[in-house]
Protein backbone atom coordinates (compact mmCIF):
# COMPACT_ATOMS: atom_id res chain seq x y z
CA UNK A 1 -36.07 59.22 51.44
CA UNK A 2 -35.58 62.48 50.18
CA UNK A 3 -38.12 65.22 51.04
CA UNK A 4 -38.92 68.87 49.20
CA UNK A 5 -39.13 72.27 50.94
CA UNK A 6 -37.48 74.59 52.91
CA UNK A 7 -33.88 73.43 53.88
CA UNK A 8 -32.27 74.70 57.42
CA UNK A 9 -28.69 75.91 56.77
CA UNK A 10 -26.41 73.65 58.75
CA UNK A 11 -22.77 72.59 58.99
CA UNK A 12 -23.93 69.12 58.43
CA UNK A 13 -23.45 69.91 54.70
CA UNK A 14 -19.73 69.99 55.49
CA UNK A 15 -19.75 66.19 56.56
CA UNK A 16 -17.26 63.86 54.34
CA UNK A 17 -18.77 61.64 52.00
CA UNK A 18 -17.31 58.09 51.49
CA UNK A 19 -17.51 55.28 49.88
CA UNK A 20 -19.81 52.48 51.70
CA UNK A 21 -18.46 48.76 51.94
CA UNK A 22 -20.35 45.62 52.36
CA UNK A 23 -19.97 45.75 56.01
CA UNK A 24 -21.66 49.05 55.59
CA UNK A 25 -24.68 46.55 54.91
CA UNK A 26 -26.67 46.97 58.52
CA UNK A 27 -26.38 50.42 58.58
CA UNK A 28 -27.86 50.72 55.81
CA UNK A 29 -31.02 48.26 56.58
CA UNK A 30 -31.08 50.42 59.80
CA UNK A 31 -31.42 53.80 57.88
CA UNK A 32 -34.38 51.80 55.71
CA UNK A 33 -35.88 50.93 58.87
CA UNK A 34 -35.53 54.51 60.15
CA UNK A 35 -37.31 56.11 57.59
CA UNK A 36 -40.31 53.43 57.55
CA UNK A 37 -38.87 51.33 54.15
CA UNK A 38 -38.60 47.73 54.70
CA UNK A 39 -34.96 46.62 56.26
CA UNK A 40 -34.39 44.36 53.21
CA UNK A 41 -30.77 43.09 53.95
CA UNK A 42 -30.81 40.84 50.83
CA UNK A 43 -31.50 44.11 48.65
CA UNK A 44 -28.70 45.74 50.49
CA UNK A 45 -26.28 42.95 49.58
CA UNK A 46 -27.00 42.88 46.28
CA UNK A 47 -26.58 46.60 45.33
CA UNK A 48 -23.46 46.96 47.64
CA UNK A 49 -22.04 44.43 45.82
CA UNK A 50 -23.01 44.65 42.25
CA UNK A 51 -23.36 48.99 42.61
CA UNK A 52 -20.96 51.12 44.51
CA UNK A 53 -22.65 52.88 47.74
CA UNK A 54 -21.94 56.46 48.71
CA UNK A 55 -22.93 58.03 52.36
CA UNK A 56 -22.30 60.30 54.88
CA UNK A 57 -21.63 58.92 58.45
CA UNK A 58 -24.03 60.44 61.45
CA UNK A 59 -22.15 62.89 63.67
CA UNK A 60 -23.24 61.43 66.58
CA UNK A 61 -21.71 58.25 66.20
CA UNK A 62 -25.34 56.07 65.32
CA UNK A 63 -24.85 54.90 61.93
CA UNK A 64 -25.18 56.87 58.94
CA UNK A 65 -27.12 60.00 58.10
CA UNK A 66 -27.57 59.62 54.73
CA UNK A 67 -26.98 57.25 51.73
CA UNK A 68 -26.99 56.42 47.94
CA UNK A 69 -26.55 53.55 45.68
CA UNK A 70 -25.12 54.02 42.04
CA UNK A 71 -25.45 51.13 39.60
CA UNK A 72 -23.50 51.18 36.55
CA UNK A 73 -24.67 50.01 33.29
CA UNK A 74 -22.44 48.78 29.80
CA UNK A 75 -18.69 49.49 31.07
CA UNK A 76 -19.53 49.40 34.50
CA UNK A 77 -15.76 49.67 35.77
CA UNK A 78 -14.75 52.08 33.08
CA UNK A 79 -17.25 54.95 31.78
CA UNK A 80 -20.37 53.47 31.60
CA UNK A 81 -23.64 54.23 28.97
CA UNK A 82 -25.92 54.63 31.93
CA UNK A 83 -25.67 55.18 35.34
CA UNK A 84 -28.87 54.59 37.89
CA UNK A 85 -29.36 55.78 41.46
CA UNK A 86 -31.11 54.88 44.11
CA UNK A 87 -32.01 54.03 47.57
CA UNK A 88 -31.44 58.12 48.33
CA UNK A 89 -31.65 58.25 52.08
CA UNK A 90 -31.24 60.88 54.65
CA UNK A 91 -31.56 59.68 58.44
CA UNK A 92 -35.12 61.07 60.07
CA UNK A 93 -33.44 63.35 62.66
CA UNK A 94 -31.51 64.84 59.68
CA UNK A 95 -34.28 65.52 57.39
CA UNK A 96 -33.96 69.17 55.66
CA UNK A 97 -30.87 70.07 56.61
CA UNK A 98 -28.92 69.68 53.06
CA UNK A 99 -27.45 66.41 53.27
CA UNK A 100 -29.58 64.70 50.39
CA UNK A 101 -28.96 67.96 48.39
CA UNK A 102 -25.39 67.54 49.37
CA UNK A 103 -24.87 63.78 48.39
CA UNK A 104 -26.90 63.51 45.31
CA UNK A 105 -24.72 67.16 44.19
CA UNK A 106 -21.58 65.23 44.81
CA UNK A 107 -22.52 61.91 43.40
CA UNK A 108 -24.35 63.48 40.07
CA UNK A 109 -21.77 66.56 39.44
CA UNK A 110 -18.51 64.57 40.41
CA UNK A 111 -18.58 60.90 41.19
CA UNK A 112 -20.64 60.74 37.68
CA UNK A 113 -19.96 63.93 35.71
CA UNK A 114 -20.99 63.58 31.84
CA UNK A 115 -22.42 60.08 32.43
CA UNK A 116 -26.23 59.76 31.42
CA UNK A 117 -28.29 59.11 34.94
CA UNK A 118 -31.67 57.67 35.53
CA UNK A 119 -33.48 57.43 38.58
CA UNK A 120 -36.76 56.67 40.10
CA UNK A 121 -38.49 59.69 41.82
CA UNK A 122 -41.20 59.82 44.57
CA UNK A 123 -43.29 62.75 44.55
CA UNK A 124 -41.28 64.04 47.61
CA UNK A 125 -38.10 64.08 46.12
CA UNK A 126 -39.05 64.93 42.41
CA UNK A 127 -38.15 68.96 43.17
CA UNK A 128 -34.69 68.15 44.24
CA UNK A 129 -33.98 66.05 41.46
CA UNK A 130 -35.72 68.64 38.86
CA UNK A 131 -33.12 71.20 40.33
CA UNK A 132 -30.05 69.09 39.69
CA UNK A 133 -30.92 68.87 36.22
CA UNK A 134 -33.18 65.66 36.07
CA UNK A 135 -36.21 65.76 33.65
CA UNK A 136 -38.89 63.08 33.59
CA UNK A 137 -39.17 60.66 30.64
CA UNK A 138 -41.98 57.84 32.07
CA UNK A 139 -43.70 57.01 34.76
CA UNK A 140 -44.35 53.16 36.95
CA UNK A 141 -47.51 52.24 38.70
CA UNK A 142 -46.49 50.06 42.27
CA UNK A 143 -49.12 47.52 42.43
CA UNK A 144 -49.45 44.67 45.12
CA UNK A 145 -51.59 41.66 46.21
CA UNK A 146 -52.72 38.25 46.32
CA UNK A 147 -53.06 37.53 42.86
CA UNK A 148 -56.27 35.22 42.04
CA UNK A 149 -55.54 33.21 38.74
CA UNK A 150 -58.78 33.13 36.23
CA UNK A 151 -59.97 29.50 35.32
CA UNK A 152 -57.91 29.77 32.15
CA UNK A 153 -54.51 30.41 33.59
CA UNK A 154 -54.15 27.21 35.96
CA UNK A 155 -51.16 27.22 38.66
CA UNK A 156 -49.04 24.71 38.62
CA UNK A 157 -49.96 21.63 41.43
CA UNK A 158 -48.39 21.36 44.89
CA UNK A 159 -45.53 19.02 44.04
CA UNK A 160 -46.21 17.64 47.18
CA UNK A 161 -49.56 15.78 46.84
CA UNK A 162 -47.88 13.74 43.91
CA UNK A 163 -49.34 15.80 40.86
CA UNK A 164 -47.84 16.12 37.77
CA UNK A 165 -46.43 19.54 37.04
CA UNK A 166 -48.47 21.77 34.95
CA UNK A 167 -47.60 24.76 32.98
CA UNK A 168 -49.09 28.07 34.44
CA UNK A 169 -48.87 29.39 30.68
CA UNK A 170 -50.52 26.31 29.09
CA UNK A 171 -52.94 28.57 27.38
CA UNK A 172 -50.56 31.04 26.17
CA UNK A 173 -48.59 31.09 23.32
CA UNK A 174 -45.29 30.56 25.00
CA UNK A 175 -44.22 27.77 27.57
CA UNK A 176 -43.09 29.17 30.91
CA UNK A 177 -40.63 27.27 33.17
CA UNK A 178 -37.68 27.68 35.39
CA UNK A 179 -34.72 28.99 34.27
CA UNK A 180 -31.23 26.64 34.51
CA UNK A 181 -28.10 27.55 34.02
CA UNK A 182 -28.09 27.16 30.52
CA UNK A 183 -30.64 29.75 29.88
CA UNK A 184 -28.29 32.49 31.39
CA UNK A 185 -26.45 33.51 28.21
CA UNK A 186 -29.85 33.70 26.58
CA UNK A 187 -31.42 35.79 29.10
CA UNK A 188 -28.19 38.30 29.10
CA UNK A 189 -28.50 38.39 25.33
CA UNK A 190 -32.27 39.28 25.77
CA UNK A 191 -31.46 41.85 28.40
CA UNK A 192 -28.92 43.54 26.87
CA UNK A 193 -31.39 44.16 23.54
CA UNK A 194 -34.33 45.29 25.29
CA UNK A 195 -32.64 47.03 28.30
CA UNK A 196 -30.55 48.70 25.89
CA UNK A 197 -27.18 48.22 27.37
CA UNK A 198 -25.48 45.74 29.02
CA UNK A 199 -25.84 44.44 32.71
CA UNK A 200 -24.64 41.22 33.42
CA UNK A 201 -23.43 42.11 36.56
CA UNK A 202 -26.62 42.09 37.87
CA UNK A 203 -28.33 39.48 35.48
CA UNK A 204 -25.46 36.89 36.93
CA UNK A 205 -26.11 37.53 40.66
CA UNK A 206 -30.21 37.10 40.02
CA UNK A 207 -29.90 32.74 40.60
CA UNK A 208 -28.62 33.49 43.88
CA UNK A 209 -30.62 36.53 44.90
CA UNK A 210 -33.94 35.47 43.54
CA UNK A 211 -36.02 32.70 44.84
CA UNK A 212 -37.33 32.08 41.35
CA UNK A 213 -35.72 32.68 37.48
CA UNK A 214 -38.28 32.07 34.77
CA UNK A 215 -37.92 31.87 31.19
CA UNK A 216 -40.41 32.23 28.63
CA UNK A 217 -40.02 30.10 25.05
CA UNK A 218 -42.12 30.60 21.92
CA UNK A 219 -43.21 27.10 20.04
CA UNK A 220 -39.87 26.62 18.55
CA UNK A 221 -37.49 27.09 21.38
CA UNK A 222 -36.70 30.60 21.49
CA UNK A 223 -36.46 32.52 24.50
CA UNK A 224 -38.70 35.69 24.51
CA UNK A 225 -39.12 36.84 28.15
CA UNK A 226 -38.17 36.01 31.71
CA UNK A 227 -38.60 37.59 35.29
CA UNK A 228 -37.31 37.41 38.24
CA UNK A 229 -39.05 36.82 41.58
CA UNK A 230 -37.35 37.59 44.76
CA UNK A 231 -37.93 38.10 48.17
CA UNK A 232 -39.10 41.32 50.36
CA UNK A 233 -40.07 40.86 53.72
CA UNK A 234 -43.63 39.41 53.26
CA UNK A 235 -44.35 40.08 49.72
CA UNK A 236 -42.45 38.25 46.42
CA UNK A 237 -41.52 41.07 43.86
CA UNK A 238 -41.58 40.30 40.26
CA UNK A 239 -38.58 42.21 38.56
CA UNK A 240 -37.24 42.58 36.17
CA UNK A 241 -40.22 41.33 33.70
CA UNK A 242 -39.07 41.44 30.23
CA UNK A 243 -41.71 40.22 27.44
CA UNK A 244 -41.88 39.93 23.82
CA UNK A 245 -45.91 41.03 24.56
CA UNK A 246 -48.86 41.14 26.85
CA UNK A 247 -49.59 37.90 26.81
CA UNK A 248 -46.39 36.66 27.34
CA UNK A 249 -45.99 38.87 30.01
CA UNK A 250 -49.19 37.83 32.03
CA UNK A 251 -48.00 34.19 31.46
CA UNK A 252 -44.66 34.90 33.37
CA UNK A 253 -46.52 36.93 36.21
CA UNK A 254 -49.38 33.38 36.63
CA UNK A 255 -46.35 31.20 36.63
CA UNK A 256 -44.21 33.64 39.36
CA UNK A 257 -47.66 33.56 41.76
CA UNK A 258 -48.01 29.99 41.18
CA UNK A 259 -44.68 29.41 43.07
CA UNK A 260 -45.73 31.67 46.23
CA UNK A 261 -48.29 31.89 48.92
CA UNK A 262 -46.97 35.53 49.30
CA UNK A 263 -48.76 38.72 47.94
CA UNK A 264 -46.94 40.01 44.73
CA UNK A 265 -45.82 43.40 44.31
CA UNK A 266 -44.68 44.85 41.17
CA UNK A 267 -43.67 48.19 39.11
CA UNK A 268 -45.04 48.19 35.97
CA UNK A 269 -44.58 51.14 33.03
CA UNK A 270 -47.71 53.12 32.41
CA UNK A 271 -47.87 52.81 29.00
CA UNK A 272 -48.45 48.97 29.52
CA UNK A 273 -52.37 49.90 30.49
CA UNK A 274 -53.64 46.32 29.62
CA UNK A 275 -51.25 44.53 31.82
CA UNK A 276 -51.92 46.64 34.63
CA UNK A 277 -55.78 45.91 34.00
CA UNK A 278 -55.07 42.66 34.17
CA UNK A 279 -53.45 42.78 37.59
CA UNK A 280 -55.94 44.77 39.39
CA UNK A 281 -58.75 42.06 37.87
CA UNK A 282 -56.42 39.28 39.29
CA UNK A 283 -55.98 40.84 42.82
CA UNK A 284 -53.42 43.69 43.03
CA UNK A 285 -54.02 47.20 43.95
CA UNK A 286 -52.61 50.38 42.66
CA UNK A 287 -50.04 51.35 46.15
CA UNK A 288 -48.34 54.73 44.43
CA UNK A 289 -46.72 55.95 41.51
CA UNK A 290 -42.96 56.92 40.73
CA UNK A 291 -41.54 59.10 37.56
CA UNK A 292 -38.78 57.65 35.71
CA UNK A 293 -36.37 60.55 35.20
CA UNK A 294 -33.15 61.51 33.23
CA UNK A 295 -30.28 63.68 33.15
CA UNK A 296 -27.84 64.38 29.93
CA UNK A 297 -29.92 61.81 28.18
CA UNK A 298 -33.19 62.24 26.56
CA UNK A 299 -34.66 59.07 27.50
CA UNK A 300 -34.02 55.47 28.65
CA UNK A 301 -32.19 53.46 25.79
CA UNK A 302 -33.69 50.37 24.54
CA UNK A 303 -36.92 48.68 23.59
CA UNK A 304 -39.77 49.88 26.27
CA UNK A 305 -42.43 47.99 24.66
CA UNK A 306 -40.82 44.79 26.05
CA UNK A 307 -39.70 46.04 29.40
CA UNK A 308 -42.60 45.71 31.66
CA UNK A 309 -41.12 45.95 35.35
CA UNK A 310 -37.66 46.87 36.13
CA UNK A 311 -35.08 44.94 38.41
CA UNK A 312 -35.83 47.42 41.25
CA UNK A 313 -36.82 50.57 41.56
CA UNK A 314 -33.09 51.66 43.01
CA UNK A 315 -31.11 49.89 40.13
CA UNK A 316 -33.80 50.68 36.62
């Protein structure tokens, strides 16, 4: 977490920045916990495998003092179309000493120079990102709670009692089902069209990372949406949520809720007012807002009308 406010000059800003490795997963999770965030070791594993982490080792020898993760899209091993920066964290004992600014300046102006950038900013981090040249282009609202389906939105019966499965989207103009390996090509095609650039290296990791991967089809069998449902401590997070319209998004969320007893959490683009109102009617409550910021690009590529929730706030 980066906080705004006066920064105390410190020789800490001379500490070297290094690339993180997969075996930095536990120190990264420790740093999350240090700042009051969930450890989410599974998410750190995904981010460090699919993206690139950068960090500053703590001078006291106790883990990491600061970290961030970069996820590249398009030609993610050459010059990407877009790069997302996330998980920007500074250990509490080193807060307000310039480490966050040093790390972000290095990543933005040296590692990713000339590449369009995006990130989700908390109110604490936004002033620094503005100083680094980021502009606000949108906003997402984080909502969380136990989902309560309406009578016309039946949930899937418990297979353990021998009941025949019934789609949670039976009353919707689409059908929703679990994705199979054969669906991945269609999911990638739809995601690239909606997201505006290729993120195959993220999508192909979803089956192993998520607890459920759902697809929505119209009556002709055409793929018109998909959603990933992945665990975060005692919560299930829905994202990405890609859907052709509000009804399809609702059908996917309803089916996602049918497969868990945990609370749901998702981060919805605030322009999708009807979906947000519906989620709150179904039991989810607003937690916070985060700004979508960009640099060296006027706005996010793709089709926001079909992009309802990001993969995670760390990756866009």
